[in-house]
Amino acid sequence: MLRKGQRTRRSLLLAAEQVFGALGYHDASIVKITEEAGVAQGTFYLYFASKQQIFDEVVDDLNQRVRRAMSEASRGAATRFEAERLGFAGFFQFTAEHPNLYRIIRQAEFVSPQAMRRHYETIIAHYIPSLTEAMDKGEVTRGDPMVLAWALAAVGEAVGMRWILWSDDRQMPPDVSEEVNRIIGRMLGIEET
């Protein structure tokens, strides 16, 4: 169980995710974040120095949580293609449950460009080793794993935005999921069966 201070800090981060997602960085305030978290305003400053600091930490926290969701979804996959399919499903599920992911990362472009860059570069840095290993095993057509990682991430983000974030039911349609899987297969150089 988390200690009280860790729980309070976590509550502030989750509250900030909600407030930044709903209001945007500029309309968000420490008062609104502490109200959402159910803590006194002075408590905020025990954990964070500023609105900017908590925003940056929300970006890092979302990054860690989305990577964990994708990793857990793909755990036990027998092939890289299966890992990609399951990882994409995990990403789409996380996006459905945390639509503020997109809003906050897009705000970071203007509010904290270094946090935005760190978000994407961290995802790619964790992606490259598994793609490289799959290339070495012959599961994926050999190429530049960094370029492939960025291209796969771009597909996931764009498809998630269109069919999860912009959808009223926040569910990936099965036909879209099947088509995305075919596209992933082609990107990996896997022949369709």
C-alpha atoms as a PDB file:
ATOM      1  CA  MET A   1       0.000   0.000   0.000  1.00  0.00           C
ATOM      2  CA  LEU A   2       1.227   3.484  -0.814  1.00  0.00           C
ATOM      3  CA  ARG A   3       2.182   5.763   2.019  1.00  0.00           C
ATOM      4  CA  LYS A   4      -0.088   8.763   2.550  1.00  0.00           C
ATOM      5  CA  GLY A   5       2.379  11.166   0.894  1.00  0.00           C
ATOM      6  CA  GLN A   6       2.677   8.940  -2.168  1.00  0.00           C
ATOM      7  CA  ARG A   7      -1.116   8.647  -2.370  1.00  0.00           C
ATOM      8  CA  THR A   8      -1.496  12.435  -2.123  1.00  0.00           C
ATOM      9  CA  ARG A   9       1.113  13.013  -4.828  1.00  0.00           C
ATOM     10  CA  ARG A  10      -0.609  10.412  -7.036  1.00  0.00           C
ATOM     11  CA  SER A  11      -3.984  12.081  -6.435  1.00  0.00           C
ATOM     12  CA  LEU A  12      -2.536  15.420  -7.506  1.00  0.00           C
ATOM     13  CA  LEU A  13      -1.080  13.920 -10.704  1.00  0.00           C
ATOM     14  CA  LEU A  14      -4.371  12.241 -11.625  1.00  0.00           C
ATOM     15  CA  ALA A  15      -6.307  15.402 -10.812  1.00  0.00           C
ATOM     16  CA  ALA A  16      -3.924  17.454 -12.950  1.00  0.00           C
ATOM     17  CA  GLU A  17      -4.433  15.005 -15.830  1.00  0.00           C
ATOM     18  CA  GLN A  18      -8.174  15.616 -15.602  1.00  0.00           C
ATOM     19  CA  VAL A  19      -7.916  19.394 -15.225  1.00  0.00           C
ATOM     20  CA  PHE A  20      -5.336  19.892 -18.005  1.00  0.00           C
ATOM     21  CA  GLY A  21      -7.343  17.600 -20.253  1.00  0.00           C
ATOM     22  CA  ALA A  22     -10.641  19.370 -19.595  1.00  0.00           C
ATOM     23  CA  LEU A  23      -9.510  22.992 -19.423  1.00  0.00           C
ATOM     24  CA  GLY A  24      -6.150  23.169 -21.161  1.00  0.00           C
ATOM     25  CA  TYR A  25      -2.916  24.305 -19.585  1.00  0.00           C
ATOM     26  CA  HIS A  26      -3.633  28.025 -19.620  1.00  0.00           C
ATOM     27  CA  ASP A  27      -7.092  27.781 -18.024  1.00  0.00           C
ATOM     28  CA  ALA A  28      -5.997  25.166 -15.518  1.00  0.00           C
ATOM     29  CA  SER A  29      -4.909  26.415 -12.127  1.00  0.00           C
ATOM     30  CA  ILE A  30      -3.353  25.004  -9.013  1.00  0.00           C
ATOM     31  CA  VAL A  31      -6.619  25.803  -7.205  1.00  0.00           C
ATOM     32  CA  LYS A  32      -8.602  23.696  -9.713  1.00  0.00           C
ATOM     33  CA  ILE A  33      -6.092  20.850  -9.481  1.00  0.00           C
ATOM     34  CA  THR A  34      -6.176  20.789  -5.679  1.00  0.00           C
ATOM     35  CA  GLU A  35      -9.984  20.979  -5.681  1.00  0.00           C
ATOM     36  CA  GLU A  36     -10.121  18.017  -8.092  1.00  0.00           C
ATOM     37  CA  ALA A  37      -7.662  16.096  -5.883  1.00  0.00           C
ATOM     38  CA  GLY A  38      -9.549  16.991  -2.707  1.00  0.00           C
ATOM     39  CA  VAL A  39      -6.519  18.483  -0.964  1.00  0.00           C
ATOM     40  CA  ALA A  40      -5.689  21.895   0.451  1.00  0.00           C
ATOM     41  CA  GLN A  41      -3.972  24.304  -1.928  1.00  0.00           C
ATOM     42  CA  GLY A  42      -0.890  24.518   0.268  1.00  0.00           C
ATOM     43  CA  THR A  43      -0.492  20.738   0.011  1.00  0.00           C
ATOM     44  CA  PHE A  44       0.267  21.133  -3.699  1.00  0.00           C
ATOM     45  CA  TYR A  45       3.541  22.895  -2.918  1.00  0.00           C
ATOM     46  CA  LEU A  46       4.742  20.011  -0.767  1.00  0.00           C
ATOM     47  CA  TYR A  47       4.967  17.953  -3.966  1.00  0.00           C
ATOM     48  CA  PHE A  48       5.319  20.364  -6.893  1.00  0.00           C
ATOM     49  CA  ALA A  49       6.965  23.752  -7.305  1.00  0.00           C
ATOM     50  CA  SER A  50       4.667  25.029 -10.056  1.00  0.00           C
ATOM     51  CA  LYS A  51       1.920  24.313 -12.545  1.00  0.00           C
ATOM     52  CA  GLN A  52       4.629  23.789 -15.156  1.00  0.00           C
ATOM     53  CA  GLN A  53       6.337  21.116 -13.073  1.00  0.00           C
ATOM     54  CA  ILE A  54       3.155  19.129 -12.505  1.00  0.00           C
ATOM     55  CA  PHE A  55       2.276  19.416 -16.199  1.00  0.00           C
ATOM     56  CA  ASP A  56       5.661  17.975 -17.172  1.00  0.00           C
ATOM     57  CA  GLU A  57       5.238  15.174 -14.646  1.00  0.00           C
ATOM     58  CA  VAL A  58       1.751  14.413 -15.972  1.00  0.00           C
ATOM     59  CA  VAL A  59       3.280  13.999 -19.449  1.00  0.00           C
ATOM     60  CA  ASP A  60       5.929  11.638 -18.026  1.00  0.00           C
ATOM     61  CA  ASP A  61       3.324   9.734 -16.003  1.00  0.00           C
ATOM     62  CA  LEU A  62       1.060   9.249 -19.021  1.00  0.00           C
ATOM     63  CA  ASN A  63       4.072   8.062 -20.995  1.00  0.00           C
ATOM     64  CA  GLN A  64       4.935   5.466 -18.394  1.00  0.00           C
ATOM     65  CA  ARG A  65       1.330   4.284 -18.066  1.00  0.00           C
ATOM     66  CA  VAL A  66       0.695   3.961 -21.808  1.00  0.00           C
ATOM     67  CA  ARG A  67       3.956   2.042 -22.292  1.00  0.00           C
ATOM     68  CA  ARG A  68       3.007  -0.254 -19.408  1.00  0.00           C
ATOM     69  CA  ALA A  69      -0.449  -0.851 -20.916  1.00  0.00           C
ATOM     70  CA  MET A  70       1.072  -1.760 -24.278  1.00  0.00           C
ATOM     71  CA  SER A  71       3.711  -3.987 -22.700  1.00  0.00           C
ATOM     72  CA  GLU A  72       1.190  -5.823 -20.528  1.00  0.00           C
ATOM     73  CA  ALA A  73      -1.154  -6.298 -23.503  1.00  0.00           C
ATOM     74  CA  SER A  74       1.605  -7.836 -25.616  1.00  0.00           C
ATOM     75  CA  ARG A  75       3.160  -9.973 -22.867  1.00  0.00           C
ATOM     76  CA  GLY A  76       3.362 -13.607 -23.921  1.00  0.00           C
ATOM     77  CA  ALA A  77       3.133 -12.920 -27.655  1.00  0.00           C
ATOM     78  CA  ALA A  78       4.830 -15.646 -29.676  1.00  0.00           C
ATOM     79  CA  THR A  79       5.919 -13.391 -32.558  1.00  0.00           C
ATOM     80  CA  ARG A  80       6.696  -9.741 -33.164  1.00  0.00           C
ATOM     81  CA  PHE A  81       3.595  -9.431 -35.327  1.00  0.00           C
ATOM     82  CA  GLU A  82       1.442 -10.792 -32.517  1.00  0.00           C
ATOM     83  CA  ALA A  83       3.177  -8.447 -30.066  1.00  0.00           C
ATOM     84  CA  GLU A  84       2.424  -5.498 -32.355  1.00  0.00           C
ATOM     85  CA  ARG A  85      -1.243  -6.459 -32.745  1.00  0.00           C
ATOM     86  CA  LEU A  86      -1.682  -6.910 -29.007  1.00  0.00           C
ATOM     87  CA  GLY A  87       0.340  -3.788 -28.189  1.00  0.00           C
ATOM     88  CA  PHE A  88      -1.787  -1.691 -30.539  1.00  0.00           C
ATOM     89  CA  ALA A  89      -4.923  -3.098 -28.883  1.00  0.00           C
ATOM     90  CA  GLY A  90      -3.469  -2.126 -25.509  1.00  0.00           C
ATOM     91  CA  PHE A  91      -2.728   1.378 -26.793  1.00  0.00           C
ATOM     92  CA  PHE A  92      -6.250   1.779 -28.170  1.00  0.00           C
ATOM     93  CA  GLN A  93      -7.751   0.548 -24.877  1.00  0.00           C
ATOM     94  CA  PHE A  94      -5.582   2.973 -22.883  1.00  0.00           C
ATOM     95  CA  THR A  95      -6.602   5.798 -25.221  1.00  0.00           C
ATOM     96  CA  ALA A  96     -10.276   4.937 -24.736  1.00  0.00           C
ATOM     97  CA  GLU A  97      -9.842   4.997 -20.965  1.00  0.00           C
ATOM     98  CA  HIS A  98      -7.564   8.073 -20.939  1.00  0.00           C
ATOM     99  CA  PRO A  99      -8.617  10.422 -23.753  1.00  0.00           C
ATOM    100  CA  ASN A 100      -6.676  13.218 -22.056  1.00  0.00           C
ATOM    101  CA  LEU A 101      -3.485  11.517 -23.286  1.00  0.00           C
ATOM    102  CA  TYR A 102      -3.912  13.162 -26.689  1.00  0.00           C
ATOM    103  CA  ARG A 103      -5.032  16.524 -25.344  1.00  0.00           C
ATOM    104  CA  ILE A 104      -2.132  16.799 -22.927  1.00  0.00           C
ATOM    105  CA  ILE A 105       0.553  15.656 -25.361  1.00  0.00           C
ATOM    106  CA  ARG A 106      -0.717  18.077 -27.992  1.00  0.00           C
ATOM    107  CA  GLN A 107      -0.670  20.926 -25.462  1.00  0.00           C
ATOM    108  CA  ALA A 108       2.891  20.013 -24.581  1.00  0.00           C
ATOM    109  CA  GLU A 109       3.988  21.058 -28.060  1.00  0.00           C
ATOM    110  CA  PHE A 110       3.379  24.658 -26.989  1.00  0.00           C
ATOM    111  CA  VAL A 111       3.576  24.496 -23.187  1.00  0.00           C
ATOM    112  CA  SER A 112       6.570  22.221 -22.755  1.00  0.00           C
ATOM    113  CA  PRO A 113       8.202  21.165 -26.032  1.00  0.00           C
ATOM    114  CA  GLN A 114      10.933  19.293 -24.148  1.00  0.00           C
ATOM    115  CA  ALA A 115       8.297  17.168 -22.352  1.00  0.00           C
ATOM    116  CA  MET A 116       6.592  16.395 -25.654  1.00  0.00           C
ATOM    117  CA  ARG A 117       9.862  15.388 -27.267  1.00  0.00           C
ATOM    118  CA  ARG A 118      10.811  13.288 -24.241  1.00  0.00           C
ATOM    119  CA  HIS A 119       7.413  11.549 -24.458  1.00  0.00           C
ATOM    120  CA  TYR A 120       7.893  10.431 -28.048  1.00  0.00           C
ATOM    121  CA  GLU A 121      11.602   9.696 -27.784  1.00  0.00           C
ATOM    122  CA  THR A 122      11.033   7.524 -24.707  1.00  0.00           C
ATOM    123  CA  ILE A 123       8.394   5.494 -26.517  1.00  0.00           C
ATOM    124  CA  ILE A 124      10.686   5.029 -29.514  1.00  0.00           C
ATOM    125  CA  ALA A 125      13.731   4.198 -27.372  1.00  0.00           C
ATOM    126  CA  HIS A 126      11.778   1.374 -25.721  1.00  0.00           C
ATOM    127  CA  TYR A 127      10.433   0.199 -29.094  1.00  0.00           C
ATOM    128  CA  ILE A 128      13.714  -0.065 -31.031  1.00  0.00           C
ATOM    129  CA  PRO A 129      15.285  -3.028 -29.140  1.00  0.00           C
ATOM    130  CA  SER A 130      12.287  -5.310 -29.716  1.00  0.00           C
ATOM    131  CA  LEU A 131      12.154  -4.413 -33.406  1.00  0.00           C
ATOM    132  CA  THR A 132      15.908  -4.949 -33.737  1.00  0.00           C
ATOM    133  CA  GLU A 133      15.618  -8.345 -32.048  1.00  0.00           C
ATOM    134  CA  ALA A 134      12.747  -9.313 -34.360  1.00  0.00           C
ATOM    135  CA  MET A 135      14.854  -8.284 -37.366  1.00  0.00           C
ATOM    136  CA  ASP A 136      17.754 -10.390 -36.081  1.00  0.00           C
ATOM    137  CA  LYS A 137      15.405 -13.384 -35.719  1.00  0.00           C
ATOM    138  CA  GLY A 138      14.045 -12.868 -39.238  1.00  0.00           C
ATOM    139  CA  GLU A 139      10.517 -12.117 -37.963  1.00  0.00           C
ATOM    140  CA  VAL A 140      10.594  -8.623 -39.442  1.00  0.00           C
ATOM    141  CA  THR A 141      12.103  -7.435 -42.700  1.00  0.00           C
ATOM    142  CA  ARG A 142      15.468  -5.848 -42.001  1.00  0.00           C
ATOM    143  CA  GLY A 143      15.521  -2.064 -42.112  1.00  0.00           C
ATOM    144  CA  ASP A 144      16.098   0.905 -39.875  1.00  0.00           C
ATOM    145  CA  PRO A 145      14.335   0.016 -36.596  1.00  0.00           C
ATOM    146  CA  MET A 146      14.140   3.682 -35.572  1.00  0.00           C
ATOM    147  CA  VAL A 147      12.269   4.657 -38.733  1.00  0.00           C
ATOM    148  CA  LEU A 148       9.977   1.636 -38.360  1.00  0.00           C
ATOM    149  CA  ALA A 149       9.289   2.506 -34.713  1.00  0.00           C
ATOM    150  CA  TRP A 150       8.349   6.097 -35.600  1.00  0.00           C
ATOM    151  CA  ALA A 151       6.139   4.914 -38.472  1.00  0.00           C
ATOM    152  CA  LEU A 152       4.321   2.366 -36.307  1.00  0.00           C
ATOM    153  CA  ALA A 153       3.845   4.936 -33.544  1.00  0.00           C
ATOM    154  CA  ALA A 154       2.426   7.404 -36.069  1.00  0.00           C
ATOM    155  CA  VAL A 155      -0.085   4.843 -37.328  1.00  0.00           C
ATOM    156  CA  GLY A 156      -1.216   4.043 -33.794  1.00  0.00           C
ATOM    157  CA  GLU A 157      -1.585   7.682 -32.847  1.00  0.00           C
ATOM    158  CA  ALA A 158      -3.477   8.729 -35.988  1.00  0.00           C
ATOM    159  CA  VAL A 159      -5.802   5.712 -35.969  1.00  0.00           C
ATOM    160  CA  GLY A 160      -6.441   6.099 -32.242  1.00  0.00           C
ATOM    161  CA  MET A 161      -7.292   9.756 -32.697  1.00  0.00           C
ATOM    162  CA  ARG A 162      -9.718   9.097 -35.555  1.00  0.00           C
ATOM    163  CA  TRP A 163     -11.497   5.955 -34.313  1.00  0.00           C
ATOM    164  CA  ILE A 164     -11.187   6.231 -30.519  1.00  0.00           C
ATOM    165  CA  LEU A 165     -10.865   9.878 -29.559  1.00  0.00           C
ATOM    166  CA  TRP A 166     -13.282  11.228 -32.170  1.00  0.00           C
ATOM    167  CA  SER A 167     -15.790   8.406 -31.686  1.00  0.00           C
ATOM    168  CA  ASP A 168     -18.766   8.673 -29.364  1.00  0.00           C
ATOM    169  CA  ASP A 169     -18.463   5.082 -28.152  1.00  0.00           C
ATOM    170  CA  ARG A 170     -14.637   5.118 -27.833  1.00  0.00           C
ATOM    171  CA  GLN A 171     -14.369   1.601 -29.242  1.00  0.00           C
ATOM    172  CA  MET A 172     -12.155   0.486 -32.105  1.00  0.00           C
ATOM    173  CA  PRO A 173     -14.427  -0.907 -34.841  1.00  0.00           C
ATOM    174  CA  PRO A 174     -13.463  -4.523 -35.634  1.00  0.00           C
ATOM    175  CA  ASP A 175     -13.083  -3.822 -39.373  1.00  0.00           C
ATOM    176  CA  VAL A 176     -10.716  -0.919 -38.644  1.00  0.00           C
ATOM    177  CA  SER A 177      -8.733  -3.095 -36.231  1.00  0.00           C
ATOM    178  CA  GLU A 178      -8.406  -5.803 -38.900  1.00  0.00           C
ATOM    179  CA  GLU A 179      -7.217  -3.274 -41.469  1.00  0.00           C
ATOM    180  CA  VAL A 180      -4.702  -1.793 -39.034  1.00  0.00           C
ATOM    181  CA  ASN A 181      -3.366  -5.308 -38.406  1.00  0.00           C
ATOM    182  CA  ARG A 182      -2.916  -5.819 -42.157  1.00  0.00           C
ATOM    183  CA  ILE A 183      -1.077  -2.484 -42.406  1.00  0.00           C
ATOM    184  CA  ILE A 184       1.162  -3.425 -39.476  1.00  0.00           C
ATOM    185  CA  GLY A 185       1.945  -6.715 -41.176  1.00  0.00           C
ATOM    186  CA  ARG A 186       2.934  -4.941 -44.368  1.00  0.00           C
ATOM    187  CA  MET A 187       5.084  -2.473 -42.406  1.00  0.00           C
ATOM    188  CA  LEU A 188       6.857  -5.381 -40.742  1.00  0.00           C
ATOM    189  CA  GLY A 189       7.326  -7.071 -44.127  1.00  0.00           C
ATOM    190  CA  ILE A 190       5.119 -10.016 -43.228  1.00  0.00           C
ATOM    191  CA  GLU A 191       3.341 -11.740 -46.077  1.00  0.00           C
ATOM    192  CA  GLU A 192      -0.435 -11.862 -45.778  1.00  0.00           C
ATOM    193  CA  THR A 193      -1.865 -15.342 -45.408  1.00  0.00           C
END
